[in-house]
Amino acid sequence: MRRSATGFSHRWIEVWIEVWIEVGVEVSPDGMFSPRLESRSRIRPQTRRSRLVDVIERPVTRIVSSIETNLNCRGVSPMPGASPYDSVGPCRASRAARAIGGLALSAILLGPPDVATAQESSVSVDYDLTFASAYVWRGITFTDGAVFQPSITASHGSGFSFNTWGNLDIDDVNGLSGEFQEVDLTLAYEFGSDAVTASVGLIDYLFPNGVGPETHEVFFTLGFDVPLQPSFAVYYDFDVIEGFYGTAAIEHGADFGDGWSYSVGLLAGFASDDFAAVAGGTDSGLFNGQVTLTVARELTRGSLGFFVAYSDNLDDDVLPDQEVDLFGGVSLSLSF
C-alpha cells in the first residue's frame, strides 16, 4: 500500500497531511460479499487544529493511489466490445488522478481567507454505499449483473466539492468479479440562491482494468426549487469522445410518516452523434429515458434508500437497444 502526502501553507495554517482510504469487498469462506471501507490519516499541524484540517483528515485521496498500485503502470488493451476506445497506458490515468485530487484539496484549503473563517465554514464529508442489480449509465448497460458502488464527497461551505465514485463488479459477467471496472473523480463548484442553484465542474473517468482509456468531461447543471423541481444538465467530453450529452429531469417527492419518504423522477437524455457512437448509435437526438422510484428511511446521520428504475432508449438510431431495462438496489448514505 502506497501513501501519498501533500504539504499546504495558507496564511497562519501550516500543516503536513497524510490521508489514505481503502475501499473493497471482502469474500467470506461461504462466498458471501461484504463491503470494506477503511480510512486512516496523520496530520502534523504547526498551529492549533482547525475545522478545516478536520475535513482533510477524512479519506479523499487513498483511492487514487490505490488505482496506481493496482495498475502496475503497464499498457492495457480494452476489453472486447469496448470500442471506439483504444489501448491505454494506465500510468497516465494515475497521474491525472493525483493532479485532480491535489487541485480539489487546494481549493478546499484556500477557500476561506483566514483561520477564523475556516473554523466557522460549513465542512462535511458524505459517504454513499450502493448495491445495485446492474450498472446502467445514461441508458447504456455497462454491467448486466450485481455491482457495488461506493462514493465519497468532501464539501466546503464556499461551494467547492470533490467526489470519488467507483463501480465494482460483483458478478463475473465482464470478467472483473471483485474488481473496479470504473473510478470517477469529480471537482465541482456550486452556486446560486434558495430558488435557483447551478454548478460547474470537471469529471475524470478512469478504467483501472482496461475497459477503456481515461477521458474527461466538463459540465454545467441548473436546478429550480419549484413544484416538480425541474433540472437541466449539459456534459461535454473534450478528450476521447468530443461529444455532448444533456438531460432534462423532473422529480416529485413527499414524506409519509415515521421518517419514511418517497420520490419519483423522470429524465430524458439528448446526445450528439459523437457521444451516441460510444454505444453504437449513428445519429444525434433523443438518447435515453428513465423513470426512478425511491423509498427512503431517515437515519440519525443519513438515510437508507431502496430504488427501482426503468431505462429505455428513445431512438434506435441514437441509442440501440440495451441489455438492461429494469434494475434496482439499496443505498446507504451517511454524512459527517
Protein backbone atom coordinates (compact mmCIF):
# COMPACT_ATOMS: atom_id res chain seq x y z
CA MET A 1 0.00 0.00 0.00
CA ARG A 2 1.38 3.37 -1.03
CA ARG A 3 0.75 6.55 0.90
CA SER A 4 0.61 9.99 -0.67
CA ALA A 5 1.50 13.07 1.34
CA THR A 6 0.90 16.68 0.43
CA GLY A 7 2.01 19.82 2.24
CA PHE A 8 -0.06 23.00 2.25
CA SER A 9 0.61 26.50 3.65
CA HIS A 10 -2.04 29.25 3.83
CA ARG A 11 -1.64 32.34 6.00
CA TRP A 12 -1.47 31.09 9.59
CA ILE A 13 -2.24 27.47 8.71
CA GLU A 14 0.76 25.23 8.09
CA VAL A 15 0.06 21.51 8.13
CA TRP A 16 1.52 18.36 6.66
CA ILE A 17 -1.22 15.89 5.77
CA GLU A 18 -1.17 12.20 5.00
CA VAL A 19 -4.56 10.73 4.06
CA TRP A 20 -5.37 7.31 2.71
CA ILE A 21 -8.51 5.27 2.17
CA GLU A 22 -9.11 1.65 1.27
CA VAL A 23 -12.35 0.60 -0.41
CA GLY A 24 -13.00 -3.02 -1.28
CA VAL A 25 -15.09 -6.11 -0.93
CA GLU A 26 -14.32 -9.00 1.39
CA VAL A 27 -15.35 -12.52 0.46
CA SER A 28 -16.19 -14.92 3.30
CA PRO A 29 -15.44 -18.69 3.08
CA ASP A 30 -19.08 -19.34 2.19
CA GLY A 31 -18.87 -16.99 -0.82
CA MET A 32 -20.75 -14.01 0.68
CA PHE A 33 -19.62 -10.50 -0.29
CA SER A 34 -19.41 -7.66 2.22
CA PRO A 35 -18.14 -4.10 1.63
CA ARG A 36 -14.98 -2.88 3.35
CA LEU A 37 -14.27 0.84 3.76
CA GLU A 38 -11.29 1.87 5.86
CA SER A 39 -9.56 5.21 6.24
CA ARG A 40 -6.60 6.46 8.21
CA SER A 41 -4.70 9.68 8.37
CA ARG A 42 -1.87 11.52 10.10
CA ILE A 43 -1.68 15.28 10.47
CA ARG A 44 1.21 17.31 11.85
CA PRO A 45 -0.18 20.83 12.44
CA GLN A 46 2.11 23.78 13.09
CA THR A 47 -0.75 25.64 14.76
CA ARG A 48 -3.85 24.61 16.67
CA ARG A 49 -6.21 22.19 14.99
CA SER A 50 -8.99 23.80 12.94
CA ARG A 51 -12.26 22.64 11.46
CA LEU A 52 -10.63 22.98 8.04
CA VAL A 53 -7.97 20.45 8.99
CA ASP A 54 -10.71 18.06 10.15
CA VAL A 55 -12.21 17.74 6.69
CA ILE A 56 -8.87 16.96 5.06
CA GLU A 57 -8.34 14.26 7.66
CA ARG A 58 -11.30 12.49 6.10
CA PRO A 59 -10.47 9.94 3.42
CA VAL A 60 -10.27 11.54 -0.02
CA THR A 61 -7.04 10.58 -1.79
CA ARG A 62 -6.24 6.99 -0.87
CA ILE A 63 -8.46 5.54 -3.59
CA VAL A 64 -6.42 7.49 -6.13
CA SER A 65 -3.12 5.89 -5.13
CA SER A 66 -4.89 2.51 -4.99
CA ILE A 67 -5.55 2.88 -8.71
CA GLU A 68 -1.83 3.37 -9.38
CA THR A 69 -0.92 0.37 -7.22
CA ASN A 70 -3.40 -1.93 -8.98
CA LEU A 71 -2.49 -0.76 -12.48
CA ASN A 72 1.24 -1.53 -12.07
CA CYS A 73 1.99 1.02 -14.83
CA ARG A 74 1.55 -1.30 -17.79
CA GLY A 75 -0.36 -0.61 -21.02
CA VAL A 76 -3.72 -2.39 -21.09
CA SER A 77 -5.80 -3.25 -24.13
CA PRO A 78 -9.54 -2.59 -23.99
CA MET A 79 -11.95 -5.43 -23.36
CA PRO A 80 -13.85 -6.90 -26.32
CA GLY A 81 -16.80 -4.71 -27.27
CA ALA A 82 -15.32 -1.61 -25.64
CA SER A 83 -14.77 0.24 -28.94
CA PRO A 84 -14.38 3.00 -30.02
CA TYR A 85 -11.77 3.13 -27.25
CA ASP A 86 -8.13 2.32 -27.96
CA SER A 87 -5.48 0.84 -25.69
CA VAL A 88 -4.41 2.98 -22.78
CA GLY A 89 -1.33 3.47 -20.63
CA PRO A 90 -2.71 3.39 -17.05
CA CYS A 91 0.15 5.43 -15.57
CA ARG A 92 -1.33 8.46 -17.35
CA ALA A 93 -4.61 7.87 -15.55
CA SER A 94 -2.99 7.74 -12.12
CA ARG A 95 -1.04 10.96 -12.75
CA ALA A 96 -4.23 12.79 -13.74
CA ALA A 97 -5.99 11.37 -10.69
CA ARG A 98 -3.33 12.77 -8.38
CA ALA A 99 -3.45 16.13 -10.15
CA ILE A 100 -7.23 16.48 -9.80
CA GLY A 101 -7.10 15.28 -6.20
CA GLY A 102 -4.44 17.86 -5.36
CA LEU A 103 -6.42 20.62 -7.09
CA ALA A 104 -9.53 19.75 -5.11
CA LEU A 105 -7.70 19.70 -1.79
CA SER A 106 -6.08 23.04 -2.61
CA ALA A 107 -9.49 24.55 -3.43
CA ILE A 108 -10.89 23.38 -0.09
CA LEU A 109 -7.87 24.68 1.80
CA LEU A 110 -7.60 28.04 0.07
CA GLY A 111 -11.32 28.84 0.07
CA PRO A 112 -11.56 30.73 3.42
CA PRO A 113 -9.47 33.85 3.91
CA ASP A 114 -8.23 33.05 7.41
CA VAL A 115 -8.38 30.57 10.27
CA ALA A 116 -11.41 32.15 11.91
CA THR A 117 -13.39 31.90 8.68
CA ALA A 118 -12.27 28.30 8.20
CA GLN A 119 -13.46 27.33 11.66
CA GLU A 120 -16.89 28.85 11.01
CA SER A 121 -17.31 27.46 7.48
CA SER A 122 -19.56 24.53 6.71
CA VAL A 123 -17.40 21.49 6.01
CA SER A 124 -18.77 17.99 5.50
CA VAL A 125 -17.87 14.53 4.25
CA ASP A 126 -20.59 12.33 2.76
CA TYR A 127 -20.38 8.59 2.16
CA ASP A 128 -22.67 6.57 -0.09
CA LEU A 129 -22.59 2.77 -0.37
CA THR A 130 -24.85 1.35 -3.08
CA PHE A 131 -25.56 -2.24 -4.11
CA ALA A 132 -27.41 -2.49 -7.44
CA SER A 133 -28.61 -5.27 -9.71
CA ALA A 134 -26.84 -3.67 -12.73
CA TYR A 135 -24.71 -0.72 -13.76
CA VAL A 136 -26.61 1.44 -16.26
CA TRP A 137 -25.03 4.80 -17.19
CA ARG A 138 -27.03 7.26 -19.28
CA GLY A 139 -29.09 4.38 -20.59
CA ILE A 140 -26.03 2.31 -21.60
CA THR A 141 -25.60 -1.11 -19.96
CA PHE A 142 -22.08 -1.41 -18.58
CA THR A 143 -22.65 -4.39 -16.24
CA ASP A 144 -25.60 -6.77 -16.56
CA GLY A 145 -25.10 -8.12 -13.06
CA ALA A 146 -24.72 -7.17 -9.40
CA VAL A 147 -22.41 -4.23 -8.61
CA PHE A 148 -21.12 -2.33 -5.58
CA GLN A 149 -20.78 1.45 -5.98
CA PRO A 150 -19.06 3.37 -3.15
CA SER A 151 -18.83 7.15 -3.19
CA ILE A 152 -17.09 9.77 -1.01
CA THR A 153 -17.68 13.53 -1.26
CA ALA A 154 -15.74 16.23 0.60
CA SER A 155 -17.58 19.59 0.50
CA HIS A 156 -16.68 23.06 1.70
CA GLY A 157 -19.07 25.90 2.53
CA SER A 158 -17.55 28.02 -0.22
CA GLY A 159 -19.26 25.77 -2.78
CA PHE A 160 -16.32 23.56 -3.78
CA SER A 161 -16.60 19.77 -3.57
CA PHE A 162 -14.55 16.75 -4.58
CA ASN A 163 -16.16 13.35 -5.21
CA THR A 164 -14.68 9.91 -5.77
CA TRP A 165 -17.07 7.27 -7.13
CA GLY A 166 -16.40 3.71 -8.18
CA ASN A 167 -18.16 0.75 -9.78
CA LEU A 168 -17.02 -2.67 -8.59
CA ASP A 169 -18.40 -5.72 -10.40
CA ILE A 170 -19.69 -8.44 -8.08
CA ASP A 171 -20.82 -10.80 -10.83
CA ASP A 172 -18.27 -12.06 -13.36
CA VAL A 173 -20.18 -11.01 -16.50
CA ASN A 174 -17.30 -8.73 -17.56
CA GLY A 175 -14.55 -10.98 -16.22
CA LEU A 176 -13.94 -8.47 -13.42
CA SER A 177 -15.58 -10.09 -10.38
CA GLY A 178 -14.38 -8.32 -7.24
CA GLU A 179 -12.53 -5.60 -9.21
CA PHE A 180 -13.22 -1.96 -10.02
CA GLN A 181 -14.44 -1.51 -13.57
CA GLU A 182 -14.55 2.29 -13.30
CA VAL A 183 -13.49 5.10 -10.97
CA ASP A 184 -14.71 8.70 -11.48
CA LEU A 185 -13.19 11.82 -9.91
CA THR A 186 -15.32 14.97 -9.90
CA LEU A 187 -14.32 18.51 -8.93
CA ALA A 188 -17.35 20.83 -8.76
CA TYR A 189 -18.35 24.33 -7.69
CA GLU A 190 -21.99 25.04 -6.75
CA PHE A 191 -23.55 28.49 -6.52
CA GLY A 192 -26.92 30.22 -6.66
CA SER A 193 -29.81 31.10 -4.36
CA ASP A 194 -32.58 29.31 -2.48
CA ALA A 195 -34.72 29.31 -5.62
CA VAL A 196 -32.10 28.52 -8.29
CA THR A 197 -28.87 26.55 -7.97
CA ALA A 198 -26.18 25.91 -10.56
CA SER A 199 -22.91 24.01 -10.67
CA VAL A 200 -19.90 23.68 -12.95
CA GLY A 201 -17.20 21.07 -12.81
CA LEU A 202 -14.78 18.58 -14.28
CA ILE A 203 -15.05 14.76 -14.32
CA ASP A 204 -12.11 12.41 -14.84
CA TYR A 205 -13.20 8.91 -15.95
CA LEU A 206 -10.69 6.17 -15.08
CA PHE A 207 -10.88 2.49 -16.10
CA PRO A 208 -8.34 0.60 -13.97
CA ASN A 209 -8.84 -2.75 -15.73
CA GLY A 210 -8.63 -1.63 -19.35
CA VAL A 211 -12.33 -1.32 -20.19
CA GLY A 212 -11.46 1.96 -21.91
CA PRO A 213 -8.99 4.86 -21.78
CA GLU A 214 -9.13 7.77 -19.39
CA THR A 215 -11.33 10.60 -20.62
CA HIS A 216 -12.62 13.93 -19.29
CA GLU A 217 -15.85 15.92 -19.22
CA VAL A 218 -16.82 19.43 -18.20
CA PHE A 219 -20.40 20.02 -17.10
CA PHE A 220 -22.97 22.62 -16.17
CA THR A 221 -26.16 21.95 -14.18
CA LEU A 222 -29.15 24.13 -13.32
CA GLY A 223 -31.96 23.35 -10.85
CA PHE A 224 -35.09 25.17 -9.69
CA ASP A 225 -36.78 24.88 -6.28
CA VAL A 226 -40.32 24.97 -7.64
CA PRO A 227 -43.01 22.29 -7.99
CA LEU A 228 -41.64 19.21 -9.81
CA GLN A 229 -38.09 20.55 -9.23
CA PRO A 230 -37.07 20.80 -12.91
CA SER A 231 -33.36 20.47 -13.61
CA PHE A 232 -31.09 20.56 -16.64
CA ALA A 233 -27.53 19.38 -17.24
CA VAL A 234 -25.05 19.53 -20.10
CA TYR A 235 -21.85 17.45 -20.31
CA TYR A 236 -19.09 17.81 -22.89
CA ASP A 237 -16.35 15.21 -23.31
CA PHE A 238 -13.38 17.19 -24.65
CA ASP A 239 -10.93 14.28 -24.71
CA VAL A 240 -11.72 10.88 -26.25
CA ILE A 241 -15.35 11.28 -27.33
CA GLU A 242 -15.50 15.01 -28.16
CA GLY A 243 -19.28 14.98 -27.88
CA PHE A 244 -22.20 16.38 -25.89
CA TYR A 245 -24.76 14.72 -23.63
CA GLY A 246 -27.58 16.60 -21.91
CA THR A 247 -30.54 15.85 -19.64
CA ALA A 248 -33.84 17.39 -18.61
CA ALA A 249 -35.49 16.00 -15.48
CA ILE A 250 -38.36 16.50 -13.05
CA GLU A 251 -38.97 14.97 -9.63
CA HIS A 252 -41.73 14.82 -7.05
CA GLY A 253 -41.44 13.54 -3.50
CA ALA A 254 -43.16 13.59 -0.13
CA ASP A 255 -42.93 12.26 3.42
CA PHE A 256 -45.39 9.63 4.59
CA GLY A 257 -44.56 9.37 8.31
CA ASP A 258 -42.09 7.84 10.76
CA GLY A 259 -39.06 9.09 8.85
CA TRP A 260 -40.10 7.48 5.55
CA SER A 261 -40.32 9.35 2.26
CA TYR A 262 -40.65 8.64 -1.42
CA SER A 263 -39.69 10.32 -4.69
CA VAL A 264 -40.45 9.72 -8.35
CA GLY A 265 -38.10 11.07 -11.01
CA LEU A 266 -38.41 11.30 -14.78
CA LEU A 267 -35.40 12.00 -17.01
CA ALA A 268 -34.80 12.38 -20.75
CA GLY A 269 -31.35 12.48 -22.33
CA PHE A 270 -30.07 14.01 -25.56
CA ALA A 271 -26.78 13.11 -27.27
CA SER A 272 -24.64 14.39 -30.12
CA ASP A 273 -23.66 11.89 -32.82
CA ASP A 274 -20.11 11.64 -31.43
CA PHE A 275 -21.41 10.68 -27.99
CA ALA A 276 -24.02 8.32 -29.47
CA ALA A 277 -21.25 6.47 -31.32
CA VAL A 278 -19.90 5.22 -27.98
CA ALA A 279 -22.98 2.98 -27.67
CA GLY A 280 -23.20 2.13 -31.37
CA GLY A 281 -25.53 4.98 -32.39
CA THR A 282 -25.33 6.62 -35.80
CA ASP A 283 -27.23 9.88 -35.28
CA SER A 284 -27.82 12.66 -32.77
CA GLY A 285 -31.11 13.22 -30.95
CA LEU A 286 -33.11 11.90 -28.02
CA PHE A 287 -30.92 9.28 -26.34
CA ASN A 288 -32.47 7.66 -23.26
CA GLY A 289 -35.38 7.99 -20.87
CA GLN A 290 -35.57 6.81 -17.27
CA VAL A 291 -38.18 6.63 -14.52
CA THR A 292 -36.94 6.08 -10.96
CA LEU A 293 -38.90 5.34 -7.79
CA THR A 294 -37.08 5.73 -4.47
CA VAL A 295 -38.30 4.96 -0.95
CA ALA A 296 -36.02 6.11 1.87
CA ARG A 297 -35.83 5.91 5.66
CA GLU A 298 -34.18 8.79 7.50
CA LEU A 299 -31.33 7.82 9.85
CA THR A 300 -29.52 9.79 12.54
CA ARG A 301 -26.64 10.69 10.21
CA GLY A 302 -28.07 9.89 6.81
CA SER A 303 -30.61 7.66 5.12
CA LEU A 304 -31.27 4.17 3.84
CA GLY A 305 -32.87 4.11 0.41
CA PHE A 306 -34.40 1.49 -1.87
CA PHE A 307 -34.80 2.25 -5.56
CA VAL A 308 -36.09 0.70 -8.76
CA ALA A 309 -35.60 2.23 -12.21
CA TYR A 310 -36.79 1.58 -15.74
CA SER A 311 -34.48 2.81 -18.51
CA ASP A 312 -35.02 2.60 -22.26
CA ASN A 313 -33.74 4.11 -25.48
CA LEU A 314 -35.77 6.89 -27.12
CA ASP A 315 -34.43 6.50 -30.67
CA ASP A 316 -32.87 3.31 -32.08
CA ASP A 317 -30.59 5.31 -34.37
CA VAL A 318 -29.15 7.27 -31.45
CA LEU A 319 -29.08 4.54 -28.78
CA PRO A 320 -29.55 0.90 -29.85
CA ASP A 321 -31.47 -1.46 -27.56
CA GLN A 322 -29.58 -2.26 -24.37
CA GLU A 323 -29.38 -5.44 -22.30
CA VAL A 324 -30.83 -3.94 -19.11
CA ASP A 325 -34.11 -2.02 -18.90
CA LEU A 326 -35.17 -2.68 -15.31
CA PHE A 327 -32.79 -2.52 -12.35
CA GLY A 328 -32.81 -1.59 -8.69
CA GLY A 329 -30.84 -1.62 -5.46
CA VAL A 330 -30.26 -0.31 -1.97
CA SER A 331 -28.16 2.67 -0.91
CA LEU A 332 -26.82 3.71 2.49
CA SER A 333 -25.90 7.42 2.79
CA LEU A 334 -24.01 8.87 5.76
CA SER A 335 -22.95 12.47 6.48
CA PHE A 336 -20.33 13.72 8.94
